[in-house]
N, C-alpha and C. Protein backbone atom coordinates (compact mmCIF):
# COMPACT_ATOMS: atom_id res chain seq x y z
N MET A 1 6.87 -28.44 -52.14
CA MET A 1 8.20 -28.05 -51.72
C MET A 1 9.21 -28.70 -52.65
N LEU A 2 10.21 -27.95 -53.04
CA LEU A 2 11.26 -28.44 -53.91
C LEU A 2 12.08 -29.50 -53.20
N GLN A 3 12.29 -30.63 -53.83
CA GLN A 3 13.12 -31.68 -53.28
C GLN A 3 14.54 -31.50 -53.80
N VAL A 4 15.50 -31.44 -52.89
CA VAL A 4 16.89 -31.23 -53.28
C VAL A 4 17.72 -32.41 -52.83
N LYS A 5 18.45 -32.99 -53.75
CA LYS A 5 19.37 -34.08 -53.44
C LYS A 5 20.77 -33.60 -53.78
N VAL A 6 21.66 -33.64 -52.79
CA VAL A 6 23.03 -33.17 -52.97
C VAL A 6 23.94 -34.38 -53.13
N CYS A 7 24.79 -34.33 -54.14
CA CYS A 7 25.76 -35.39 -54.38
C CYS A 7 27.11 -34.74 -54.63
N LEU A 8 28.11 -35.17 -53.89
CA LEU A 8 29.46 -34.62 -54.04
C LEU A 8 30.35 -35.68 -54.66
N GLN A 9 30.57 -35.57 -55.95
CA GLN A 9 31.52 -36.44 -56.62
C GLN A 9 32.88 -35.79 -56.43
N PRO A 10 33.95 -36.43 -56.83
CA PRO A 10 35.27 -35.84 -56.57
C PRO A 10 35.30 -34.33 -56.81
N CYS A 11 34.99 -33.60 -55.75
CA CYS A 11 35.07 -32.13 -55.72
C CYS A 11 34.08 -31.41 -56.62
N THR A 12 33.06 -32.08 -57.09
CA THR A 12 32.02 -31.46 -57.91
C THR A 12 30.68 -31.65 -57.20
N VAL A 13 29.90 -30.57 -57.11
CA VAL A 13 28.61 -30.62 -56.43
C VAL A 13 27.51 -30.76 -57.47
N TYR A 14 26.65 -31.74 -57.24
CA TYR A 14 25.47 -31.94 -58.08
C TYR A 14 24.24 -31.67 -57.24
N VAL A 15 23.28 -30.92 -57.77
CA VAL A 15 22.00 -30.71 -57.10
C VAL A 15 20.93 -31.24 -58.04
N ASN A 16 20.22 -32.27 -57.59
CA ASN A 16 19.20 -32.93 -58.41
C ASN A 16 19.77 -33.35 -59.77
N GLY A 17 21.01 -33.87 -59.75
CA GLY A 17 21.63 -34.41 -60.96
C GLY A 17 22.29 -33.39 -61.87
N VAL A 18 22.22 -32.11 -61.53
CA VAL A 18 22.80 -31.05 -62.35
C VAL A 18 24.03 -30.48 -61.64
N ILE A 19 25.14 -30.34 -62.38
CA ILE A 19 26.36 -29.79 -61.79
C ILE A 19 26.11 -28.35 -61.37
N LEU A 20 26.50 -28.03 -60.14
CA LEU A 20 26.36 -26.67 -59.61
C LEU A 20 27.53 -25.84 -60.12
N ASP A 21 27.22 -24.75 -60.83
CA ASP A 21 28.25 -23.85 -61.33
C ASP A 21 28.75 -23.01 -60.16
N GLU A 22 30.05 -23.11 -59.87
CA GLU A 22 30.63 -22.42 -58.72
C GLU A 22 31.87 -21.62 -59.14
N PRO A 23 31.69 -20.57 -59.93
CA PRO A 23 32.83 -19.80 -60.42
C PRO A 23 33.57 -19.04 -59.31
N TYR A 24 32.97 -18.94 -58.14
CA TYR A 24 33.56 -18.21 -57.02
C TYR A 24 34.60 -19.03 -56.27
N LEU A 25 34.72 -20.32 -56.55
CA LEU A 25 35.70 -21.16 -55.87
C LEU A 25 37.07 -21.00 -56.52
N SER A 26 38.08 -20.78 -55.68
CA SER A 26 39.45 -20.69 -56.22
C SER A 26 40.04 -22.09 -56.38
N GLU A 27 39.58 -23.04 -55.58
CA GLU A 27 40.00 -24.43 -55.72
C GLU A 27 38.85 -25.33 -55.28
N LYS A 28 38.75 -26.48 -55.91
CA LYS A 28 37.73 -27.45 -55.52
C LYS A 28 38.37 -28.48 -54.62
N ALA A 29 37.73 -28.74 -53.49
CA ALA A 29 38.25 -29.72 -52.54
C ALA A 29 37.07 -30.41 -51.87
N PHE A 30 37.25 -31.67 -51.52
CA PHE A 30 36.17 -32.42 -50.89
C PHE A 30 35.98 -32.00 -49.43
N GLY A 31 37.06 -31.81 -48.70
CA GLY A 31 36.97 -31.38 -47.30
C GLY A 31 36.35 -32.44 -46.40
N GLU A 32 35.94 -32.01 -45.21
CA GLU A 32 35.34 -32.93 -44.23
C GLU A 32 33.91 -33.27 -44.63
N CYS A 33 33.64 -34.56 -44.71
CA CYS A 33 32.29 -35.01 -45.05
C CYS A 33 32.05 -36.36 -44.37
N ASP A 34 31.12 -36.39 -43.42
CA ASP A 34 30.80 -37.66 -42.76
C ASP A 34 29.33 -38.03 -42.91
N ILE A 35 28.66 -37.44 -43.92
CA ILE A 35 27.27 -37.80 -44.20
C ILE A 35 27.23 -38.76 -45.37
N GLU A 36 26.17 -39.52 -45.46
CA GLU A 36 26.01 -40.46 -46.57
C GLU A 36 25.53 -39.70 -47.80
N LEU A 37 26.20 -39.94 -48.91
CA LEU A 37 25.86 -39.28 -50.16
C LEU A 37 25.30 -40.27 -51.17
N PRO A 38 24.39 -39.89 -52.04
CA PRO A 38 23.78 -38.57 -52.12
C PRO A 38 22.93 -38.29 -50.89
N TYR A 39 22.78 -37.02 -50.57
CA TYR A 39 22.09 -36.59 -49.36
C TYR A 39 20.79 -35.90 -49.74
N GLN A 40 19.69 -36.33 -49.16
CA GLN A 40 18.39 -35.71 -49.39
C GLN A 40 18.20 -34.60 -48.36
N VAL A 41 18.11 -33.36 -48.82
CA VAL A 41 17.93 -32.23 -47.91
C VAL A 41 16.48 -32.25 -47.40
N PRO A 42 16.31 -32.26 -46.06
CA PRO A 42 14.95 -32.29 -45.50
C PRO A 42 14.17 -31.01 -45.84
N ASP A 43 12.85 -31.12 -45.84
CA ASP A 43 11.99 -29.95 -46.05
C ASP A 43 12.31 -28.88 -45.01
N ASN A 44 12.18 -27.64 -45.40
CA ASN A 44 12.38 -26.48 -44.53
C ASN A 44 13.80 -26.39 -43.96
N ARG A 45 14.76 -26.92 -44.68
CA ARG A 45 16.18 -26.87 -44.28
C ARG A 45 17.01 -26.39 -45.47
N VAL A 46 18.18 -25.85 -45.15
CA VAL A 46 19.10 -25.37 -46.18
C VAL A 46 20.44 -26.06 -46.00
N PHE A 47 20.97 -26.61 -47.08
CA PHE A 47 22.28 -27.25 -47.09
C PHE A 47 23.29 -26.17 -47.41
N VAL A 48 24.24 -25.91 -46.50
CA VAL A 48 25.21 -24.84 -46.69
C VAL A 48 26.62 -25.40 -46.79
N MET A 49 27.43 -24.76 -47.65
CA MET A 49 28.84 -25.14 -47.77
C MET A 49 29.67 -23.86 -47.86
N GLY A 50 30.80 -23.87 -47.16
CA GLY A 50 31.71 -22.74 -47.22
C GLY A 50 32.44 -22.70 -48.55
N ASP A 51 33.01 -21.54 -48.86
CA ASP A 51 33.73 -21.44 -50.14
C ASP A 51 35.19 -21.84 -50.03
N HIS A 52 35.67 -22.16 -48.84
CA HIS A 52 37.00 -22.74 -48.65
C HIS A 52 36.79 -24.19 -48.23
N ARG A 53 36.35 -25.00 -49.20
CA ARG A 53 35.87 -26.36 -48.95
C ARG A 53 36.85 -27.27 -48.23
N SER A 54 38.14 -27.08 -48.43
CA SER A 54 39.11 -27.98 -47.82
C SER A 54 39.14 -27.83 -46.30
N VAL A 55 38.73 -26.67 -45.78
CA VAL A 55 38.78 -26.43 -44.33
C VAL A 55 37.42 -26.07 -43.74
N SER A 56 36.40 -25.87 -44.56
CA SER A 56 35.07 -25.49 -44.06
C SER A 56 34.40 -26.65 -43.34
N ILE A 57 33.80 -26.36 -42.21
CA ILE A 57 32.95 -27.33 -41.52
C ILE A 57 31.54 -26.81 -41.69
N ASP A 58 30.73 -27.53 -42.45
CA ASP A 58 29.43 -27.03 -42.87
C ASP A 58 28.43 -28.18 -42.91
N SER A 59 27.43 -28.13 -43.77
CA SER A 59 26.39 -29.16 -43.81
C SER A 59 26.91 -30.53 -44.21
N ARG A 60 28.13 -30.62 -44.70
CA ARG A 60 28.73 -31.92 -45.01
C ARG A 60 29.14 -32.65 -43.75
N SER A 61 29.12 -31.95 -42.63
CA SER A 61 29.48 -32.54 -41.34
C SER A 61 28.22 -32.77 -40.51
N SER A 62 28.09 -33.95 -39.95
CA SER A 62 26.90 -34.24 -39.11
C SER A 62 26.87 -33.38 -37.86
N SER A 63 28.01 -32.78 -37.49
CA SER A 63 28.01 -31.90 -36.32
C SER A 63 27.34 -30.56 -36.62
N VAL A 64 27.19 -30.21 -37.88
CA VAL A 64 26.51 -28.97 -38.28
C VAL A 64 25.17 -29.31 -38.92
N GLY A 65 25.19 -30.12 -39.94
CA GLY A 65 23.96 -30.51 -40.63
C GLY A 65 23.33 -29.37 -41.40
N CYS A 66 22.09 -29.57 -41.80
CA CYS A 66 21.35 -28.55 -42.52
C CYS A 66 20.81 -27.51 -41.53
N ILE A 67 20.63 -26.30 -42.02
CA ILE A 67 20.16 -25.20 -41.20
C ILE A 67 18.65 -25.05 -41.39
N ALA A 68 17.93 -24.95 -40.28
CA ALA A 68 16.47 -24.76 -40.34
C ALA A 68 16.16 -23.37 -40.89
N ASP A 69 15.14 -23.28 -41.74
CA ASP A 69 14.72 -22.00 -42.32
C ASP A 69 14.57 -20.91 -41.26
N GLU A 70 14.06 -21.27 -40.10
CA GLU A 70 13.77 -20.28 -39.05
C GLU A 70 15.03 -19.60 -38.53
N TYR A 71 16.21 -20.20 -38.75
CA TYR A 71 17.46 -19.61 -38.28
C TYR A 71 18.12 -18.70 -39.31
N ILE A 72 17.54 -18.63 -40.48
CA ILE A 72 18.07 -17.75 -41.52
C ILE A 72 17.29 -16.45 -41.43
N ILE A 73 17.95 -15.45 -40.87
CA ILE A 73 17.23 -14.21 -40.56
C ILE A 73 17.66 -13.04 -41.44
N GLY A 74 18.72 -13.20 -42.17
CA GLY A 74 19.20 -12.10 -43.01
C GLY A 74 18.48 -12.06 -44.35
N LYS A 75 18.66 -10.97 -45.05
CA LYS A 75 18.08 -10.81 -46.37
C LYS A 75 19.14 -10.15 -47.26
N VAL A 76 19.38 -10.73 -48.42
CA VAL A 76 20.36 -10.18 -49.34
C VAL A 76 19.76 -8.96 -50.03
N ILE A 77 20.48 -7.85 -49.96
CA ILE A 77 20.01 -6.65 -50.65
C ILE A 77 21.06 -6.09 -51.61
N LEU A 78 22.33 -6.48 -51.41
CA LEU A 78 23.41 -5.98 -52.25
C LEU A 78 24.42 -7.09 -52.51
N ARG A 79 24.81 -7.24 -53.77
CA ARG A 79 25.82 -8.23 -54.13
C ARG A 79 27.12 -7.48 -54.45
N LEU A 80 28.22 -7.94 -53.85
CA LEU A 80 29.52 -7.32 -54.08
C LEU A 80 30.44 -8.16 -54.96
N TRP A 81 30.13 -9.44 -55.10
CA TRP A 81 30.99 -10.34 -55.85
C TRP A 81 30.17 -11.31 -56.64
N PRO A 82 30.50 -11.64 -57.82
CA PRO A 82 31.63 -11.17 -58.60
C PRO A 82 31.43 -9.72 -59.04
N TRP A 83 32.53 -9.05 -59.30
CA TRP A 83 32.50 -7.63 -59.60
C TRP A 83 31.56 -7.28 -60.74
N GLU A 84 31.52 -8.13 -61.76
CA GLU A 84 30.67 -7.81 -62.92
C GLU A 84 29.18 -7.91 -62.60
N CYS A 85 28.84 -8.43 -61.43
CA CYS A 85 27.42 -8.54 -61.02
C CYS A 85 27.11 -7.65 -59.82
N ILE A 86 27.99 -6.73 -59.47
CA ILE A 86 27.78 -5.89 -58.30
C ILE A 86 26.50 -5.07 -58.46
N GLY A 87 25.76 -4.95 -57.38
CA GLY A 87 24.54 -4.15 -57.43
C GLY A 87 23.47 -4.66 -56.48
N ILE A 88 22.34 -3.98 -56.52
CA ILE A 88 21.19 -4.33 -55.69
C ILE A 88 20.55 -5.61 -56.22
N VAL A 89 20.22 -6.50 -55.33
CA VAL A 89 19.63 -7.79 -55.72
C VAL A 89 18.12 -7.67 -55.74
């Protein structure tokens, strides 16, 4: 299983030491975060963050945490954004 460590430096997300490219963000913001960083994502869990970071309550909050694989029931079949990548996935 892939080991993922998330680190949030001033508004920059690192996954396993590599900066996460996030061209879809209009602004970078730290937002609400009450977990200890860097954070080791548990096996069979997904670390999620909203794209409006300054107001999103997501895996950075202990009240939400990571999402168990079993609760992810959707499947991506079509990408609409960014426009230059629109199409079937």
